[in-house]
């Protein structure tokens, strides 16, 4: 790697770090809807969790009311204490920096209540260099790894990266699901077992809120795959149009209730 490429990489990191952090947190909290109240806690103060078996052979009811199902699903998701997620994007590039130089390819991470998350993003820089960036969020503290050095850096105070805003009753994922229009049961699909495939149209304002302004001025049809017994969301897919081209997003969620170790990074550069 040339010195110029190193300098360019460092500059891109500085320019895009805040947006990367926001996006990592966004995807972390996607679909994990909290309808209110405090998380359950053990006597030692740790959040209680119960591992969920999504491969339980549950059989879906073809006559289910899809609107009632979405209401039930939102209630089930409000009790989630931890989840693992994977996001893939293809089609048109989705840039996550103000200079349109860092495009998101995929992301994988874990989340635990109330505000602990970690993720690894795969990004392409300048349509040439593919690299990975780590993100860790604990309470109000956020660390992002530098794509050049690999060391984590603390985002300075004053940036508006508040994980709780994704649970905000006015601006988070909960109102997006609550405001879905034209909800319908598409089919019963085999996606790791029987799943209800439900679609609905999300309002443009709600889409903009939960995509940290990456997607603007468009209603979006979202498809959800929902487990029959637990009503937990196991996948979601949607397509957005950016500069006249389509970007396709696929999100998978599993390992609900697992214990994930999310701690501050050791290789932290002061």
Protein backbone atom coordinates (compact mmCIF):
# COMPACT_ATOMS: atom_id res chain seq x y z
CA UNK A 1 0.00 0.00 0.00
CA UNK A 2 1.43 3.36 -0.99
CA UNK A 3 1.79 6.27 1.38
CA UNK A 4 -0.78 8.15 -0.69
CA UNK A 5 -3.29 5.29 -0.37
CA UNK A 6 -2.71 5.23 3.41
CA UNK A 7 -3.28 8.97 3.59
CA UNK A 8 -6.40 8.70 1.47
CA UNK A 9 -7.72 5.88 3.65
CA UNK A 10 -7.13 7.86 6.81
CA UNK A 11 -8.88 10.87 5.29
CA UNK A 12 -11.88 8.77 4.27
CA UNK A 13 -12.11 7.37 7.76
CA UNK A 14 -12.13 10.81 9.31
CA UNK A 15 -14.83 11.98 6.91
CA UNK A 16 -17.07 8.94 7.24
CA UNK A 17 -16.69 7.79 10.84
CA UNK A 18 -19.79 9.48 12.19
CA UNK A 19 -22.02 8.17 9.41
CA UNK A 20 -20.54 4.68 9.78
CA UNK A 21 -21.30 4.70 13.47
CA UNK A 22 -24.83 5.85 12.86
CA UNK A 23 -25.37 3.19 10.20
CA UNK A 24 -23.92 0.42 12.36
CA UNK A 25 -26.23 1.37 15.17
CA UNK A 26 -29.14 1.69 12.76
CA UNK A 27 -28.80 -1.86 11.49
CA UNK A 28 -28.13 -3.14 14.97
CA UNK A 29 -31.49 -1.86 16.13
CA UNK A 30 -33.42 -2.66 12.96
CA UNK A 31 -36.60 -4.58 13.77
CA UNK A 32 -35.69 -4.88 17.48
CA UNK A 33 -38.70 -2.84 18.51
CA UNK A 34 -39.19 -1.88 22.13
CA UNK A 35 -42.73 -0.80 22.96
CA UNK A 36 -41.86 0.67 26.32
CA UNK A 37 -40.88 -0.36 29.82
CA UNK A 38 -37.53 -1.41 31.19
CA UNK A 39 -35.61 -4.52 30.17
CA UNK A 40 -35.91 -7.55 32.40
CA UNK A 41 -32.99 -7.93 34.79
CA UNK A 42 -31.42 -10.63 36.89
CA UNK A 43 -30.62 -10.11 40.54
CA UNK A 44 -27.00 -9.37 39.63
CA UNK A 45 -28.13 -6.53 37.36
CA UNK A 46 -27.44 -8.23 34.03
CA UNK A 47 -30.19 -8.33 31.46
CA UNK A 48 -32.13 -11.59 31.55
CA UNK A 49 -32.29 -13.59 28.34
CA UNK A 50 -33.92 -16.75 27.11
CA UNK A 51 -32.50 -18.59 24.12
CA UNK A 52 -35.17 -18.98 21.44
CA UNK A 53 -35.39 -22.09 19.25
CA UNK A 54 -36.45 -20.89 15.81
CA UNK A 55 -36.03 -24.38 14.36
CA UNK A 56 -38.90 -25.87 16.35
CA UNK A 57 -40.95 -27.28 13.49
CA UNK A 58 -43.74 -24.73 13.98
CA UNK A 59 -46.51 -24.87 11.35
CA UNK A 60 -47.94 -21.61 9.98
CA UNK A 61 -51.67 -20.99 9.71
CA UNK A 62 -52.62 -19.99 6.12
CA UNK A 63 -55.74 -18.21 7.38
CA UNK A 64 -53.97 -15.88 9.80
CA UNK A 65 -54.90 -12.18 9.80
CA UNK A 66 -51.68 -10.41 8.65
CA UNK A 67 -52.48 -7.15 10.43
CA UNK A 68 -53.06 -8.98 13.71
CA UNK A 69 -49.85 -10.91 13.08
CA UNK A 70 -47.83 -7.71 12.75
CA UNK A 71 -49.31 -6.41 16.00
CA UNK A 72 -48.39 -9.66 17.71
CA UNK A 73 -44.91 -9.58 16.19
CA UNK A 74 -44.26 -6.05 17.46
CA UNK A 75 -45.22 -7.19 20.94
CA UNK A 76 -42.92 -10.21 20.70
CA UNK A 77 -40.02 -8.09 19.49
CA UNK A 78 -40.49 -5.68 22.39
CA UNK A 79 -39.32 -8.44 24.72
CA UNK A 80 -36.12 -9.22 22.82
CA UNK A 81 -33.00 -9.07 25.00
CA UNK A 82 -30.38 -10.02 22.39
CA UNK A 83 -30.12 -10.86 18.71
CA UNK A 84 -27.58 -11.49 15.98
CA UNK A 85 -28.06 -9.79 12.62
CA UNK A 86 -26.65 -9.96 9.10
CA UNK A 87 -27.22 -7.37 6.40
CA UNK A 88 -26.41 -7.73 2.70
CA UNK A 89 -26.76 -5.05 0.04
CA UNK A 90 -26.50 -5.50 -3.73
CA UNK A 91 -27.42 -3.54 -6.81
CA UNK A 92 -26.75 0.18 -6.75
CA UNK A 93 -24.04 1.28 -4.31
CA UNK A 94 -25.18 2.90 -1.07
CA UNK A 95 -22.63 5.45 0.08
CA UNK A 96 -22.28 6.12 3.77
CA UNK A 97 -20.03 9.16 3.64
CA UNK A 98 -20.63 12.69 2.41
CA UNK A 99 -18.15 12.33 -0.47
CA UNK A 100 -19.79 9.20 -1.97
CA UNK A 101 -16.56 7.24 -1.64
CA UNK A 102 -17.42 4.57 0.97
CA UNK A 103 -20.09 2.07 -0.14
CA UNK A 104 -21.66 -0.44 2.24
CA UNK A 105 -21.56 -4.07 1.08
CA UNK A 106 -22.56 -6.08 4.15
CA UNK A 107 -22.65 -6.04 7.91
CA UNK A 108 -22.77 -8.61 10.71
CA UNK A 109 -23.11 -8.02 14.42
CA UNK A 110 -24.87 -8.56 17.72
CA UNK A 111 -27.05 -6.47 19.97
CA UNK A 112 -28.04 -6.78 23.64
CA UNK A 113 -30.35 -4.58 25.68
CA UNK A 114 -30.29 -1.95 26.81
CA UNK A 115 -27.58 -0.33 24.66
CA UNK A 116 -24.75 -2.70 23.73
CA UNK A 117 -23.90 -3.46 20.13
CA UNK A 118 -21.00 -4.60 18.00
CA UNK A 119 -20.74 -4.95 14.25
CA UNK A 120 -18.30 -5.51 11.42
CA UNK A 121 -19.00 -3.66 8.20
CA UNK A 122 -17.61 -4.66 4.80
CA UNK A 123 -17.21 -1.57 2.64
CA UNK A 124 -15.74 -0.67 -0.74
CA UNK A 125 -13.71 2.51 -0.98
CA UNK A 126 -13.54 4.39 -4.28
CA UNK A 127 -15.06 1.39 -6.09
CA UNK A 128 -11.66 -0.26 -5.70
CA UNK A 129 -10.54 -1.21 -2.19
CA UNK A 130 -12.72 -3.57 -0.13
CA UNK A 131 -12.05 -3.49 3.59
CA UNK A 132 -13.72 -4.04 6.95
CA UNK A 133 -14.58 -1.60 9.69
CA UNK A 134 -15.56 -2.54 13.25
CA UNK A 135 -18.06 -0.65 15.38
CA UNK A 136 -18.77 -1.07 19.10
CA UNK A 137 -21.38 0.86 21.05
CA UNK A 138 -21.87 0.66 24.82
CA UNK A 139 -24.33 3.08 26.35
CA UNK A 140 -23.39 6.50 24.95
CA UNK A 141 -19.82 5.48 24.01
CA UNK A 142 -19.05 4.54 20.40
CA UNK A 143 -15.78 3.21 18.98
CA UNK A 144 -14.98 2.77 15.27
CA UNK A 145 -11.97 0.94 13.87
CA UNK A 146 -9.73 2.77 11.43
CA UNK A 147 -9.67 0.88 8.10
CA UNK A 148 -5.99 1.70 7.64
CA UNK A 149 -4.51 0.86 11.08
CA UNK A 150 -7.22 -1.47 12.46
CA UNK A 151 -7.09 0.38 15.78
CA UNK A 152 -10.31 1.58 17.36
CA UNK A 153 -10.89 5.25 17.97
CA UNK A 154 -13.36 6.90 20.30
CA UNK A 155 -15.82 9.22 18.67
CA UNK A 156 -15.46 12.60 20.34
CA UNK A 157 -18.16 14.12 22.52
CA UNK A 158 -20.75 16.25 20.83
CA UNK A 159 -21.78 13.92 18.03
CA UNK A 160 -25.48 13.03 17.95
CA UNK A 161 -25.24 9.23 18.00
CA UNK A 162 -27.81 8.16 20.57
CA UNK A 163 -28.84 4.47 20.32
CA UNK A 164 -32.06 5.19 22.17
CA UNK A 165 -33.38 7.23 19.25
CA UNK A 166 -34.00 4.04 17.31
CA UNK A 167 -36.53 3.14 20.02
CA UNK A 168 -38.03 6.61 19.93
CA UNK A 169 -41.85 6.38 19.74
CA UNK A 170 -41.84 9.24 17.23
CA UNK A 171 -38.80 8.51 15.06
CA UNK A 172 -37.75 4.86 15.46
CA UNK A 173 -38.66 1.47 14.03
CA UNK A 174 -41.78 1.10 16.16
CA UNK A 175 -43.73 3.84 14.35
CA UNK A 176 -42.51 2.51 11.00
CA UNK A 177 -44.12 -0.85 11.71
CA UNK A 178 -47.15 0.72 13.35
CA UNK A 179 -47.70 2.95 10.30
CA UNK A 180 -47.36 0.20 7.70
CA UNK A 181 -50.00 0.40 4.97
CA UNK A 182 -51.48 -2.26 2.74
CA UNK A 183 -50.34 -5.13 4.94
CA UNK A 184 -50.81 -8.50 3.29
CA UNK A 185 -49.80 -12.12 3.72
CA UNK A 186 -47.76 -12.94 0.62
CA UNK A 187 -47.24 -16.63 1.30
CA UNK A 188 -46.09 -19.19 3.80
CA UNK A 189 -42.46 -19.76 2.92
CA UNK A 190 -39.82 -22.28 3.95
CA UNK A 191 -36.99 -20.14 5.27
CA UNK A 192 -35.43 -22.25 7.98
CA UNK A 193 -38.89 -23.70 8.62
CA UNK A 194 -42.39 -22.31 8.10
CA UNK A 195 -42.42 -18.51 8.02
CA UNK A 196 -45.16 -15.98 7.37
CA UNK A 197 -44.03 -13.71 4.55
CA UNK A 198 -45.81 -10.40 5.11
CA UNK A 199 -45.45 -7.18 3.13
CA UNK A 200 -46.41 -3.61 3.90
CA UNK A 201 -45.62 -0.11 2.70
CA UNK A 202 -43.54 2.10 5.00
CA UNK A 203 -43.99 5.87 4.84
CA UNK A 204 -41.12 7.94 3.44
CA UNK A 205 -40.70 9.93 6.66
CA UNK A 206 -40.35 6.75 8.72
CA UNK A 207 -37.91 5.26 6.21
CA UNK A 208 -35.77 8.38 6.32
CA UNK A 209 -35.69 8.34 10.11
CA UNK A 210 -34.52 4.75 10.46
CA UNK A 211 -31.96 4.94 7.63
CA UNK A 212 -30.14 7.94 9.10
CA UNK A 213 -31.16 10.01 6.04
CA UNK A 214 -29.58 7.53 3.60
CA UNK A 215 -32.98 6.93 1.97
CA UNK A 216 -35.16 9.99 1.39
CA UNK A 217 -38.43 10.98 -0.20
CA UNK A 218 -39.73 7.52 -1.01
CA UNK A 219 -42.21 5.09 0.43
CA UNK A 220 -40.70 1.61 0.66
CA UNK A 221 -42.33 -1.80 0.50
CA UNK A 222 -40.84 -4.00 3.22
CA UNK A 223 -41.26 -7.76 3.40
CA UNK A 224 -40.96 -9.54 6.75
CA UNK A 225 -40.50 -13.24 7.48
CA UNK A 226 -42.10 -14.07 10.82
CA UNK A 227 -41.80 -17.19 12.95
CA UNK A 228 -45.22 -18.84 13.53
CA UNK A 229 -44.88 -19.67 17.22
CA UNK A 230 -42.89 -16.76 18.61
CA UNK A 231 -43.94 -14.10 16.05
CA UNK A 232 -40.30 -12.96 15.99
CA UNK A 233 -38.98 -11.44 12.78
CA UNK A 234 -36.34 -13.69 11.23
CA UNK A 235 -35.71 -11.71 8.04
CA UNK A 236 -36.66 -8.53 6.23
CA UNK A 237 -36.06 -7.39 2.66
CA UNK A 238 -36.67 -4.13 0.83
CA UNK A 239 -35.53 -2.23 -2.26
CA UNK A 240 -34.70 1.46 -2.36
CA UNK A 241 -34.04 3.75 -5.32
CA UNK A 242 -31.03 6.04 -5.15
CA UNK A 243 -30.10 8.27 -8.09
CA UNK A 244 -32.38 6.28 -10.37
CA UNK A 245 -30.89 2.86 -9.54
CA UNK A 246 -32.20 0.13 -7.23
CA UNK A 247 -30.37 -1.05 -4.13
CA UNK A 248 -31.61 -4.32 -2.62
CA UNK A 249 -31.29 -4.94 1.12
CA UNK A 250 -31.59 -8.27 2.92
CA UNK A 251 -31.53 -8.53 6.72
CA UNK A 252 -31.50 -11.77 8.69
CA UNK A 253 -31.96 -12.06 12.46
CA UNK A 254 -31.35 -15.12 14.61
CA UNK A 255 -29.76 -16.37 17.83
CA UNK A 256 -32.36 -14.52 19.86
CA UNK A 257 -31.58 -14.66 23.57
CA UNK A 258 -27.96 -15.79 23.15
CA UNK A 259 -25.30 -14.33 25.42
CA UNK A 260 -22.98 -12.05 23.47
CA UNK A 261 -19.84 -10.58 24.97
CA UNK A 262 -19.72 -6.92 24.01
CA UNK A 263 -16.90 -5.03 25.70
CA UNK A 264 -14.81 -1.96 24.90
CA UNK A 265 -12.03 -2.65 22.35
CA UNK A 266 -8.58 -3.54 23.63
CA UNK A 267 -6.70 -1.93 20.72
CA UNK A 268 -7.96 1.54 21.49
CA UNK A 269 -5.88 4.45 20.26
CA UNK A 270 -6.08 7.42 22.57
